[in-house]
Amino acid sequence: MTLDDWLTRTGTKEDAFAASIGTSQAAVNRYRHGLRVPRPPVMARIAQATGGAVTANDFHGLTG
C-alpha cells in the first residue's frame, strides 16, 4: 500500500504523521507524492507507524 493510500484511508493528516515518525510535514508530502524516497531509518519508522501496511517495497513499486 502506498503512503498516500494509507494516509487517505486512515484520515491521517500529514503533519500528525510527520510528528509520529520524527520528520517534517514537507518531507511526508514528498514521500506521499513520490518526489522523494525515505532513507532506511525513516522507512523503518513509516512501516512501524503504519502497522506494516506501508513498507520499503511500496516506495519502489514492488509488492511484498
N, C-alpha and C. Protein backbone atom coordinates (compact mmCIF):
# COMPACT_ATOMS: atom_id res chain seq x y z
N MET A 1 0.85 -1.17 0.00
CA MET A 1 0.00 0.00 0.00
C MET A 1 0.90 1.24 0.00
N THR A 2 0.53 2.21 -0.79
CA THR A 2 1.34 3.44 -0.81
C THR A 2 1.05 4.27 0.42
N LEU A 3 1.97 5.16 0.72
CA LEU A 3 1.77 6.06 1.85
C LEU A 3 0.55 6.94 1.60
N ASP A 4 0.37 7.40 0.37
CA ASP A 4 -0.80 8.20 0.03
C ASP A 4 -2.08 7.43 0.32
N ASP A 5 -2.14 6.16 -0.11
CA ASP A 5 -3.32 5.33 0.16
C ASP A 5 -3.57 5.21 1.66
N TRP A 6 -2.51 4.94 2.41
CA TRP A 6 -2.66 4.73 3.85
C TRP A 6 -3.15 6.00 4.53
N LEU A 7 -2.54 7.14 4.21
CA LEU A 7 -2.96 8.40 4.82
C LEU A 7 -4.41 8.71 4.48
N THR A 8 -4.80 8.48 3.23
CA THR A 8 -6.17 8.74 2.80
C THR A 8 -7.15 7.82 3.51
N ARG A 9 -6.87 6.53 3.52
CA ARG A 9 -7.78 5.54 4.11
C ARG A 9 -7.95 5.73 5.62
N THR A 10 -6.88 6.14 6.27
CA THR A 10 -6.95 6.30 7.72
C THR A 10 -7.35 7.71 8.14
N GLY A 11 -7.39 8.63 7.19
CA GLY A 11 -7.74 10.00 7.50
C GLY A 11 -6.66 10.71 8.31
N THR A 12 -5.43 10.24 8.19
CA THR A 12 -4.32 10.81 8.93
C THR A 12 -3.78 12.03 8.20
N LYS A 13 -3.63 13.11 8.91
CA LYS A 13 -3.08 14.34 8.33
C LYS A 13 -1.56 14.24 8.24
N GLU A 14 -1.00 14.87 7.22
CA GLU A 14 0.44 14.82 7.00
C GLU A 14 1.23 15.32 8.21
N ASP A 15 0.78 16.41 8.82
CA ASP A 15 1.54 16.96 9.94
C ASP A 15 1.53 16.03 11.15
N ALA A 16 0.41 15.37 11.41
CA ALA A 16 0.33 14.43 12.52
C ALA A 16 1.22 13.21 12.24
N PHE A 17 1.19 12.73 11.00
CA PHE A 17 2.02 11.58 10.65
C PHE A 17 3.49 11.95 10.74
N ALA A 18 3.83 13.13 10.27
CA ALA A 18 5.22 13.59 10.33
C ALA A 18 5.71 13.62 11.77
N ALA A 19 4.89 14.13 12.67
CA ALA A 19 5.28 14.18 14.08
C ALA A 19 5.48 12.78 14.63
N SER A 20 4.66 11.83 14.19
CA SER A 20 4.77 10.46 14.72
C SER A 20 6.01 9.73 14.24
N ILE A 21 6.56 10.16 13.10
CA ILE A 21 7.78 9.49 12.59
C ILE A 21 9.02 10.37 12.70
N GLY A 22 8.86 11.55 13.31
CA GLY A 22 10.01 12.41 13.55
C GLY A 22 10.59 13.08 12.33
N THR A 23 9.72 13.54 11.45
CA THR A 23 10.18 14.26 10.27
C THR A 23 9.25 15.44 10.02
N SER A 24 9.48 16.17 8.95
CA SER A 24 8.65 17.35 8.67
C SER A 24 7.43 16.98 7.82
N GLN A 25 6.44 17.85 7.87
CA GLN A 25 5.25 17.66 7.03
C GLN A 25 5.65 17.73 5.57
N ALA A 26 6.60 18.61 5.23
CA ALA A 26 7.04 18.75 3.84
C ALA A 26 7.67 17.44 3.35
N ALA A 27 8.45 16.78 4.20
CA ALA A 27 9.05 15.50 3.81
C ALA A 27 7.97 14.46 3.58
N VAL A 28 6.99 14.39 4.47
CA VAL A 28 5.89 13.43 4.30
C VAL A 28 5.17 13.70 2.99
N ASN A 29 4.94 14.95 2.66
CA ASN A 29 4.28 15.28 1.41
C ASN A 29 5.09 14.79 0.22
N ARG A 30 6.40 14.96 0.28
CA ARG A 30 7.26 14.48 -0.81
C ARG A 30 7.24 12.95 -0.90
N TYR A 31 7.27 12.28 0.25
CA TYR A 31 7.19 10.81 0.24
C TYR A 31 5.84 10.37 -0.34
N ARG A 32 4.81 11.04 0.08
CA ARG A 32 3.44 10.70 -0.32
C ARG A 32 3.25 10.79 -1.82
N HIS A 33 3.87 11.78 -2.43
CA HIS A 33 3.67 12.02 -3.86
C HIS A 33 4.81 11.51 -4.74
N GLY A 34 5.69 10.71 -4.17
CA GLY A 34 6.75 10.08 -4.94
C GLY A 34 7.87 11.01 -5.37
N LEU A 35 8.01 12.14 -4.71
CA LEU A 35 9.06 13.08 -5.06
C LEU A 35 10.36 12.80 -4.33
N ARG A 36 10.27 11.99 -3.29
CA ARG A 36 11.46 11.61 -2.52
C ARG A 36 11.21 10.22 -1.94
N VAL A 37 12.28 9.44 -1.88
CA VAL A 37 12.22 8.12 -1.24
C VAL A 37 12.86 8.25 0.14
N PRO A 38 12.16 7.83 1.18
CA PRO A 38 12.72 7.96 2.53
C PRO A 38 13.99 7.14 2.70
N ARG A 39 14.90 7.65 3.52
CA ARG A 39 16.11 6.89 3.88
C ARG A 39 15.69 5.71 4.75
N PRO A 40 16.53 4.67 4.80
CA PRO A 40 16.16 3.46 5.55
C PRO A 40 15.65 3.68 6.98
N PRO A 41 16.27 4.55 7.79
CA PRO A 41 15.71 4.72 9.14
C PRO A 41 14.30 5.29 9.15
N VAL A 42 14.02 6.20 8.21
CA VAL A 42 12.68 6.78 8.11
C VAL A 42 11.70 5.74 7.58
N MET A 43 12.14 4.94 6.63
CA MET A 43 11.27 3.86 6.11
C MET A 43 10.86 2.93 7.23
N ALA A 44 11.81 2.61 8.11
CA ALA A 44 11.50 1.72 9.23
C ALA A 44 10.45 2.36 10.14
N ARG A 45 10.56 3.66 10.38
CA ARG A 45 9.58 4.34 11.23
C ARG A 45 8.21 4.41 10.54
N ILE A 46 8.21 4.58 9.22
CA ILE A 46 6.94 4.58 8.47
C ILE A 46 6.27 3.22 8.59
N ALA A 47 7.04 2.17 8.38
CA ALA A 47 6.48 0.81 8.49
C ALA A 47 5.91 0.57 9.88
N GLN A 48 6.63 1.01 10.89
CA GLN A 48 6.16 0.82 12.26
C GLN A 48 4.90 1.64 12.52
N ALA A 49 4.90 2.90 12.10
CA ALA A 49 3.75 3.79 12.34
C ALA A 49 2.49 3.33 11.61
N THR A 50 2.67 2.64 10.49
CA THR A 50 1.51 2.18 9.71
C THR A 50 1.15 0.73 10.03
N GLY A 51 1.77 0.17 11.04
CA GLY A 51 1.49 -1.22 11.40
C GLY A 51 1.90 -2.19 10.33
N GLY A 52 2.90 -1.82 9.55
CA GLY A 52 3.40 -2.69 8.48
C GLY A 52 2.62 -2.59 7.17
N ALA A 53 1.65 -1.69 7.12
CA ALA A 53 0.85 -1.55 5.89
C ALA A 53 1.65 -0.90 4.77
N VAL A 54 2.59 -0.02 5.12
CA VAL A 54 3.44 0.64 4.13
C VAL A 54 4.88 0.19 4.41
N THR A 55 5.51 -0.41 3.41
CA THR A 55 6.87 -0.93 3.57
C THR A 55 7.80 -0.27 2.57
N ALA A 56 9.08 -0.56 2.70
CA ALA A 56 10.07 -0.01 1.77
C ALA A 56 9.74 -0.38 0.33
N ASN A 57 9.25 -1.59 0.11
CA ASN A 57 8.90 -2.01 -1.25
C ASN A 57 7.84 -1.12 -1.87
N ASP A 58 6.96 -0.58 -1.06
CA ASP A 58 5.90 0.27 -1.59
C ASP A 58 6.42 1.57 -2.18
N PHE A 59 7.62 1.97 -1.78
CA PHE A 59 8.23 3.18 -2.34
C PHE A 59 8.95 2.90 -3.65
N HIS A 60 9.09 1.63 -3.98
CA HIS A 60 9.80 1.25 -5.20
C HIS A 60 8.89 0.50 -6.18
N GLY A 61 7.60 0.51 -5.90
CA GLY A 61 6.65 -0.14 -6.79
C GLY A 61 6.74 -1.66 -6.77
N LEU A 62 7.30 -2.21 -5.71
CA LEU A 62 7.41 -3.66 -5.58
C LEU A 62 6.33 -4.16 -4.66
N THR A 63 5.95 -5.41 -4.82
CA THR A 63 4.96 -5.99 -3.92
C THR A 63 5.67 -6.84 -2.90
N GLY A 64 5.10 -6.90 -1.72
CA GLY A 64 5.75 -7.62 -0.61
C GLY A 64 5.26 -9.00 -0.39
